[in-house]
C-alpha atoms as a PDB file:
ATOM      1  CA  UNK A   1      -9.378  13.513 124.042  1.00  0.00           C
ATOM      2  CA  UNK A   2      -7.407  14.327 127.223  1.00  0.00           C
ATOM      3  CA  UNK A   3      -5.815  17.752 127.556  1.00  0.00           C
ATOM      4  CA  UNK A   4      -2.315  18.134 126.056  1.00  0.00           C
ATOM      5  CA  UNK A   5      -0.835  19.199 129.352  1.00  0.00           C
ATOM      6  CA  UNK A   6      -2.076  16.105 131.109  1.00  0.00           C
ATOM      7  CA  UNK A   7      -0.924  13.829 128.318  1.00  0.00           C
ATOM      8  CA  UNK A   8       2.395  15.518 127.791  1.00  0.00           C
ATOM      9  CA  UNK A   9       3.162  15.427 131.629  1.00  0.00           C
ATOM     10  CA  UNK A  10       2.263  11.705 131.939  1.00  0.00           C
ATOM     11  CA  UNK A  11       4.104  10.831 128.685  1.00  0.00           C
ATOM     12  CA  UNK A  12       7.221  12.470 129.829  1.00  0.00           C
ATOM     13  CA  UNK A  13       6.985  10.401 133.096  1.00  0.00           C
ATOM     14  CA  UNK A  14       6.460   7.231 131.232  1.00  0.00           C
ATOM     15  CA  UNK A  15       9.493   7.891 129.089  1.00  0.00           C
ATOM     16  CA  UNK A  16      11.555   8.800 132.027  1.00  0.00           C
ATOM     17  CA  UNK A  17      10.520   5.486 133.732  1.00  0.00           C
ATOM     18  CA  UNK A  18      11.364   3.667 130.536  1.00  0.00           C
ATOM     19  CA  UNK A  19      14.887   5.131 130.617  1.00  0.00           C
ATOM     20  CA  UNK A  20      15.407   4.070 134.234  1.00  0.00           C
ATOM     21  CA  UNK A  21      14.185   0.521 133.466  1.00  0.00           C
ATOM     22  CA  UNK A  22      16.942  -2.171 133.466  1.00  0.00           C
ATOM     23  CA  UNK A  23      15.825  -3.344 129.991  1.00  0.00           C
ATOM     24  CA  UNK A  24      16.216   0.151 128.478  1.00  0.00           C
ATOM     25  CA  UNK A  25      19.697  -0.442 126.996  1.00  0.00           C
ATOM     26  CA  UNK A  26      18.590  -3.948 125.595  1.00  0.00           C
ATOM     27  CA  UNK A  27      15.417  -2.258 124.127  1.00  0.00           C
ATOM     28  CA  UNK A  28      17.476   0.294 122.207  1.00  0.00           C
ATOM     29  CA  UNK A  29      20.000  -2.326 121.103  1.00  0.00           C
ATOM     30  CA  UNK A  30      17.425  -4.744 120.164  1.00  0.00           C
ATOM     31  CA  UNK A  31      15.327  -2.367 118.021  1.00  0.00           C
ATOM     32  CA  UNK A  32      18.346  -1.176 116.202  1.00  0.00           C
ATOM     33  CA  UNK A  33      19.276  -4.804 115.431  1.00  0.00           C
ATOM     34  CA  UNK A  34      15.902  -5.481 113.977  1.00  0.00           C
ATOM     35  CA  UNK A  35      16.904  -3.352 110.996  1.00  0.00           C
ATOM     36  CA  UNK A  36      17.532  -6.360 108.699  1.00  0.00           C
ATOM     37  CA  UNK A  37      13.795  -6.782 108.899  1.00  0.00           C
ATOM     38  CA  UNK A  38      12.999  -3.209 108.009  1.00  0.00           C
ATOM     39  CA  UNK A  39      11.743  -4.208 104.555  1.00  0.00           C
ATOM     40  CA  UNK A  40       8.929  -1.909 103.795  1.00  0.00           C
ATOM     41  CA  UNK A  41       8.641   0.527 100.857  1.00  0.00           C
ATOM     42  CA  UNK A  42       6.226   2.939 102.236  1.00  0.00           C
ATOM     43  CA  UNK A  43       7.581   4.275 105.449  1.00  0.00           C
ATOM     44  CA  UNK A  44      11.416   4.730 105.912  1.00  0.00           C
ATOM     45  CA  UNK A  45      11.929   5.228 102.222  1.00  0.00           C
ATOM     46  CA  UNK A  46       9.847   8.312 102.300  1.00  0.00           C
ATOM     47  CA  UNK A  47      12.556  10.014 104.301  1.00  0.00           C
ATOM     48  CA  UNK A  48      14.748  12.076 101.892  1.00  0.00           C
ATOM     49  CA  UNK A  49      18.050  10.196 101.304  1.00  0.00           C
ATOM     50  CA  UNK A  50      17.219   7.564 103.796  1.00  0.00           C
ATOM     51  CA  UNK A  51      20.183   5.997 105.502  1.00  0.00           C
ATOM     52  CA  UNK A  52      20.060   3.284 108.087  1.00  0.00           C
ATOM     53  CA  UNK A  53      23.225   4.458 109.645  1.00  0.00           C
ATOM     54  CA  UNK A  54      22.105   8.105 109.985  1.00  0.00           C
ATOM     55  CA  UNK A  55      18.432   7.764 110.620  1.00  0.00           C
ATOM     56  CA  UNK A  56      17.824   4.684 112.607  1.00  0.00           C
ATOM     57  CA  UNK A  57      18.957   6.350 116.049  1.00  0.00           C
ATOM     58  CA  UNK A  58      16.878   9.525 115.666  1.00  0.00           C
ATOM     59  CA  UNK A  59      13.768   7.466 114.450  1.00  0.00           C
ATOM     60  CA  UNK A  60      14.231   5.220 117.572  1.00  0.00           C
ATOM     61  CA  UNK A  61      13.986   8.238 119.748  1.00  0.00           C
ATOM     62  CA  UNK A  62      10.801   9.455 118.004  1.00  0.00           C
ATOM     63  CA  UNK A  63       9.104   5.896 118.294  1.00  0.00           C
ATOM     64  CA  UNK A  64       9.903   5.743 122.061  1.00  0.00           C
ATOM     65  CA  UNK A  65       8.229   9.169 122.443  1.00  0.00           C
ATOM     66  CA  UNK A  66       5.189   8.032 120.457  1.00  0.00           C
ATOM     67  CA  UNK A  67       4.935   4.921 122.544  1.00  0.00           C
ATOM     68  CA  UNK A  68       4.999   7.045 125.732  1.00  0.00           C
ATOM     69  CA  UNK A  69       2.364   9.498 124.274  1.00  0.00           C
ATOM     70  CA  UNK A  70       0.049   6.585 123.350  1.00  0.00           C
ATOM     71  CA  UNK A  71       0.475   5.118 126.767  1.00  0.00           C
ATOM     72  CA  UNK A  72      -0.398   8.264 128.411  1.00  0.00           C
ATOM     73  CA  UNK A  73      -3.498   8.747 126.290  1.00  0.00           C
ATOM     74  CA  UNK A  74      -4.503   5.020 126.880  1.00  0.00           C
ATOM     75  CA  UNK A  75      -4.148   5.455 130.608  1.00  0.00           C
ATOM     76  CA  UNK A  76      -5.778   8.839 130.792  1.00  0.00           C
ATOM     77  CA  UNK A  77      -8.940   7.704 128.770  1.00  0.00           C
ATOM     78  CA  UNK A  78      -9.401   4.664 130.958  1.00  0.00           C
ATOM     79  CA  UNK A  79      -7.958   2.243 128.300  1.00  0.00           C
ATOM     80  CA  UNK A  80      -9.513   3.706 125.116  1.00  0.00           C
ATOM     81  CA  UNK A  81      -7.571   1.999 122.320  1.00  0.00           C
ATOM     82  CA  UNK A  82      -9.074   4.093 119.640  1.00  0.00           C
ATOM     83  CA  UNK A  83      -8.087   7.403 121.207  1.00  0.00           C
ATOM     84  CA  UNK A  84      -4.671   5.983 122.030  1.00  0.00           C
ATOM     85  CA  UNK A  85      -3.995   5.289 118.374  1.00  0.00           C
ATOM     86  CA  UNK A  86      -2.590   8.724 117.696  1.00  0.00           C
ATOM     87  CA  UNK A  87      -1.926   9.983 114.082  1.00  0.00           C
ATOM     88  CA  UNK A  88       1.836   9.352 113.564  1.00  0.00           C
ATOM     89  CA  UNK A  89       4.136   9.943 110.476  1.00  0.00           C
ATOM     90  CA  UNK A  90       4.664   6.947 108.391  1.00  0.00           C
ATOM     91  CA  UNK A  91       8.519   6.663 109.008  1.00  0.00           C
ATOM     92  CA  UNK A  92       8.002   7.111 112.760  1.00  0.00           C
ATOM     93  CA  UNK A  93       5.245   4.518 112.751  1.00  0.00           C
ATOM     94  CA  UNK A  94       7.540   1.998 111.141  1.00  0.00           C
ATOM     95  CA  UNK A  95      10.090   2.381 113.910  1.00  0.00           C
ATOM     96  CA  UNK A  96       7.245   1.998 116.399  1.00  0.00           C
ATOM     97  CA  UNK A  97       6.634  -1.460 114.896  1.00  0.00           C
ATOM     98  CA  UNK A  98      10.470  -2.296 115.162  1.00  0.00           C
ATOM     99  CA  UNK A  99      10.335  -1.451 118.931  1.00  0.00           C
ATOM    100  CA  UNK A 100       7.153  -3.396 119.528  1.00  0.00           C
ATOM    101  CA  UNK A 101       8.757  -6.455 117.743  1.00  0.00           C
ATOM    102  CA  UNK A 102      10.848  -6.589 120.985  1.00  0.00           C
ATOM    103  CA  UNK A 103       7.693  -8.426 122.488  1.00  0.00           C
ATOM    104  CA  UNK A 104       9.268 -10.119 125.572  1.00  0.00           C
ATOM    105  CA  UNK A 105      11.133  -7.007 126.632  1.00  0.00           C
ATOM    106  CA  UNK A 106       8.230  -4.621 126.002  1.00  0.00           C
ATOM    107  CA  UNK A 107       5.940  -7.066 127.922  1.00  0.00           C
ATOM    108  CA  UNK A 108       8.433  -7.153 130.926  1.00  0.00           C
ATOM    109  CA  UNK A 109       8.594  -3.289 130.728  1.00  0.00           C
ATOM    110  CA  UNK A 110       4.889  -2.842 130.684  1.00  0.00           C
ATOM    111  CA  UNK A 111       4.522  -5.151 133.785  1.00  0.00           C
ATOM    112  CA  UNK A 112       7.260  -3.528 135.680  1.00  0.00           C
ATOM    113  CA  UNK A 113       6.234  -0.016 134.849  1.00  0.00           C
ATOM    114  CA  UNK A 114       2.445  -0.852 135.172  1.00  0.00           C
ATOM    115  CA  UNK A 115       1.922   0.956 131.769  1.00  0.00           C
ATOM    116  CA  UNK A 116       0.315  -0.415 128.676  1.00  0.00           C
ATOM    117  CA  UNK A 117       1.979   0.420 125.291  1.00  0.00           C
ATOM    118  CA  UNK A 118      -1.115   0.129 123.096  1.00  0.00           C
ATOM    119  CA  UNK A 119      -0.922  -0.593 119.410  1.00  0.00           C
ATOM    120  CA  UNK A 120      -3.837  -1.657 117.303  1.00  0.00           C
ATOM    121  CA  UNK A 121      -3.121  -1.976 113.619  1.00  0.00           C
ATOM    122  CA  UNK A 122      -6.707  -2.182 112.585  1.00  0.00           C
ATOM    123  CA  UNK A 123      -7.260   1.283 114.252  1.00  0.00           C
ATOM    124  CA  UNK A 124      -4.203   2.897 112.414  1.00  0.00           C
ATOM    125  CA  UNK A 125      -4.945   5.951 110.384  1.00  0.00           C
ATOM    126  CA  UNK A 126      -2.237   7.364 108.105  1.00  0.00           C
ATOM    127  CA  UNK A 127      -3.721  10.772 107.920  1.00  0.00           C
ATOM    128  CA  UNK A 128      -1.023  12.566 110.113  1.00  0.00           C
ATOM    129  CA  UNK A 129      -1.060  16.209 109.495  1.00  0.00           C
ATOM    130  CA  UNK A 130       1.043  18.919 111.103  1.00  0.00           C
ATOM    131  CA  UNK A 131      -0.645  20.635 113.850  1.00  0.00           C
ATOM    132  CA  UNK A 132      -2.855  17.683 114.947  1.00  0.00           C
ATOM    133  CA  UNK A 133      -3.366  16.764 118.587  1.00  0.00           C
ATOM    134  CA  UNK A 134      -0.280  14.453 118.354  1.00  0.00           C
ATOM    135  CA  UNK A 135       1.871  17.576 117.885  1.00  0.00           C
ATOM    136  CA  UNK A 136       0.065  19.202 120.757  1.00  0.00           C
ATOM    137  CA  UNK A 137       0.806  16.312 123.113  1.00  0.00           C
ATOM    138  CA  UNK A 138       4.547  16.062 121.820  1.00  0.00           C
ATOM    139  CA  UNK A 139       5.063  19.687 122.724  1.00  0.00           C
ATOM    140  CA  UNK A 140       3.325  19.364 126.014  1.00  0.00           C
ATOM    141  CA  UNK A 141       5.809  16.608 126.925  1.00  0.00           C
ATOM    142  CA  UNK A 142       8.693  19.165 126.743  1.00  0.00           C
ATOM    143  CA  UNK A 143      10.369  17.388 123.699  1.00  0.00           C
ATOM    144  CA  UNK A 144      10.333  20.558 121.462  1.00  0.00           C
ATOM    145  CA  UNK A 145       9.277  20.313 117.896  1.00  0.00           C
ATOM    146  CA  UNK A 146       9.372  17.033 116.091  1.00  0.00           C
ATOM    147  CA  UNK A 147      12.237  16.636 113.467  1.00  0.00           C
ATOM    148  CA  UNK A 148      10.555  17.411 110.244  1.00  0.00           C
ATOM    149  CA  UNK A 149      12.777  15.033 108.460  1.00  0.00           C
ATOM    150  CA  UNK A 150      10.735  12.159 109.895  1.00  0.00           C
ATOM    151  CA  UNK A 151       7.417  13.808 110.867  1.00  0.00           C
ATOM    152  CA  UNK A 152       6.043  14.002 107.261  1.00  0.00           C
ATOM    153  CA  UNK A 153       2.562  15.190 106.717  1.00  0.00           C
ATOM    154  CA  UNK A 154       0.272  12.479 105.004  1.00  0.00           C
ATOM    155  CA  UNK A 155       0.051  14.664 101.894  1.00  0.00           C
ATOM    156  CA  UNK A 156       3.900  14.748 101.595  1.00  0.00           C
ATOM    157  CA  UNK A 157       4.184  10.932 102.211  1.00  0.00           C
ATOM    158  CA  UNK A 158       1.730  10.450  99.294  1.00  0.00           C
ATOM    159  CA  UNK A 159       3.686  12.712  97.030  1.00  0.00           C
ATOM    160  CA  UNK A 160       6.997  11.006  97.899  1.00  0.00           C
ATOM    161  CA  UNK A 161       5.391   7.500  97.345  1.00  0.00           C
ATOM    162  CA  UNK A 162       4.338   8.711  93.884  1.00  0.00           C
ATOM    163  CA  UNK A 163       7.931   9.441  93.170  1.00  0.00           C
ATOM    164  CA  UNK A 164       9.206   6.131  94.763  1.00  0.00           C
ATOM    165  CA  UNK A 165       6.651   4.228  92.653  1.00  0.00           C
ATOM    166  CA  UNK A 166       8.110   5.766  89.500  1.00  0.00           C
ATOM    167  CA  UNK A 167      11.536   4.360  90.601  1.00  0.00           C
ATOM    168  CA  UNK A 168      10.289   1.029  91.830  1.00  0.00           C
ATOM    169  CA  UNK A 169       8.318   0.314  88.734  1.00  0.00           C
ATOM    170  CA  UNK A 170      11.177  -0.232  86.197  1.00  0.00           C
ATOM    171  CA  UNK A 171      12.684  -2.680  88.856  1.00  0.00           C
ATOM    172  CA  UNK A 172       9.422  -4.805  88.569  1.00  0.00           C
ATOM    173  CA  UNK A 173       7.673  -3.569  91.683  1.00  0.00           C
ATOM    174  CA  UNK A 174       3.801  -2.829  91.413  1.00  0.00           C
ATOM    175  CA  UNK A 175       0.666  -2.187  93.423  1.00  0.00           C
ATOM    176  CA  UNK A 176       2.366   0.171  95.862  1.00  0.00           C
ATOM    177  CA  UNK A 177       5.356  -2.178  96.120  1.00  0.00           C
ATOM    178  CA  UNK A 178       2.956  -5.084  97.477  1.00  0.00           C
ATOM    179  CA  UNK A 179       4.021  -7.224  94.348  1.00  0.00           C
ATOM    180  CA  UNK A 180       6.971  -7.665  92.005  1.00  0.00           C
ATOM    181  CA  UNK A 181       7.566  -9.467  88.774  1.00  0.00           C
ATOM    182  CA  UNK A 182      11.110 -10.587  89.769  1.00  0.00           C
ATOM    183  CA  UNK A 183      11.680 -14.305  88.959  1.00  0.00           C
ATOM    184  CA  UNK A 184      15.059 -14.736  90.558  1.00  0.00           C
ATOM    185  CA  UNK A 185      16.268 -16.613  87.480  1.00  0.00           C
ATOM    186  CA  UNK A 186      18.944 -14.006  86.496  1.00  0.00           C
ATOM    187  CA  UNK A 187      21.499 -11.869  88.206  1.00  0.00           C
ATOM    188  CA  UNK A 188      20.411  -8.226  88.443  1.00  0.00           C
ATOM    189  CA  UNK A 189      22.378  -5.499  86.842  1.00  0.00           C
ATOM    190  CA  UNK A 190      24.400  -3.644  89.456  1.00  0.00           C
ATOM    191  CA  UNK A 191      23.097  -0.327  90.349  1.00  0.00           C
ATOM    192  CA  UNK A 192      25.035   2.877  89.243  1.00  0.00           C
ATOM    193  CA  UNK A 193      26.697   4.558  92.251  1.00  0.00           C
END
């Protein structure tokens, strides 16, 4: 893996170039509008008292930083996708997917900036732990410490998923929320507020 200083320096340059790109505002706006498709049960919901209104903006900042870090590693390793697939906390990784869903704009930005924003789902590892090389790269980029609200350790994500499973189960969701028994034949009982 490349040295944190080299990755951090290059990632900061990439993020600055992204901010100066004419598509920056559109990328931010489009990524936020993608929220109606944010339907997973295992990333965003692991954030305590998750709220789209409160959490989408800060998560977008984190996702863009991760994309810059991954691009820097990709570049500094001569295009090594495996090394560029950094360990990332589940909620942040979900927002990375929301940004990458802006395919045309991200493709244009890659071409204009001559940067590749790598993402290989088959190489993803959900074993992010505090203190790993991702944290070193993040700090070296000058962005300070990650917001711990979103940068959840894999063990904490697993613990929270267990709690969520206990809540989802009575609603008919099973297999890690990858299936449900809802038939859509009846109206649901309104949730208590």
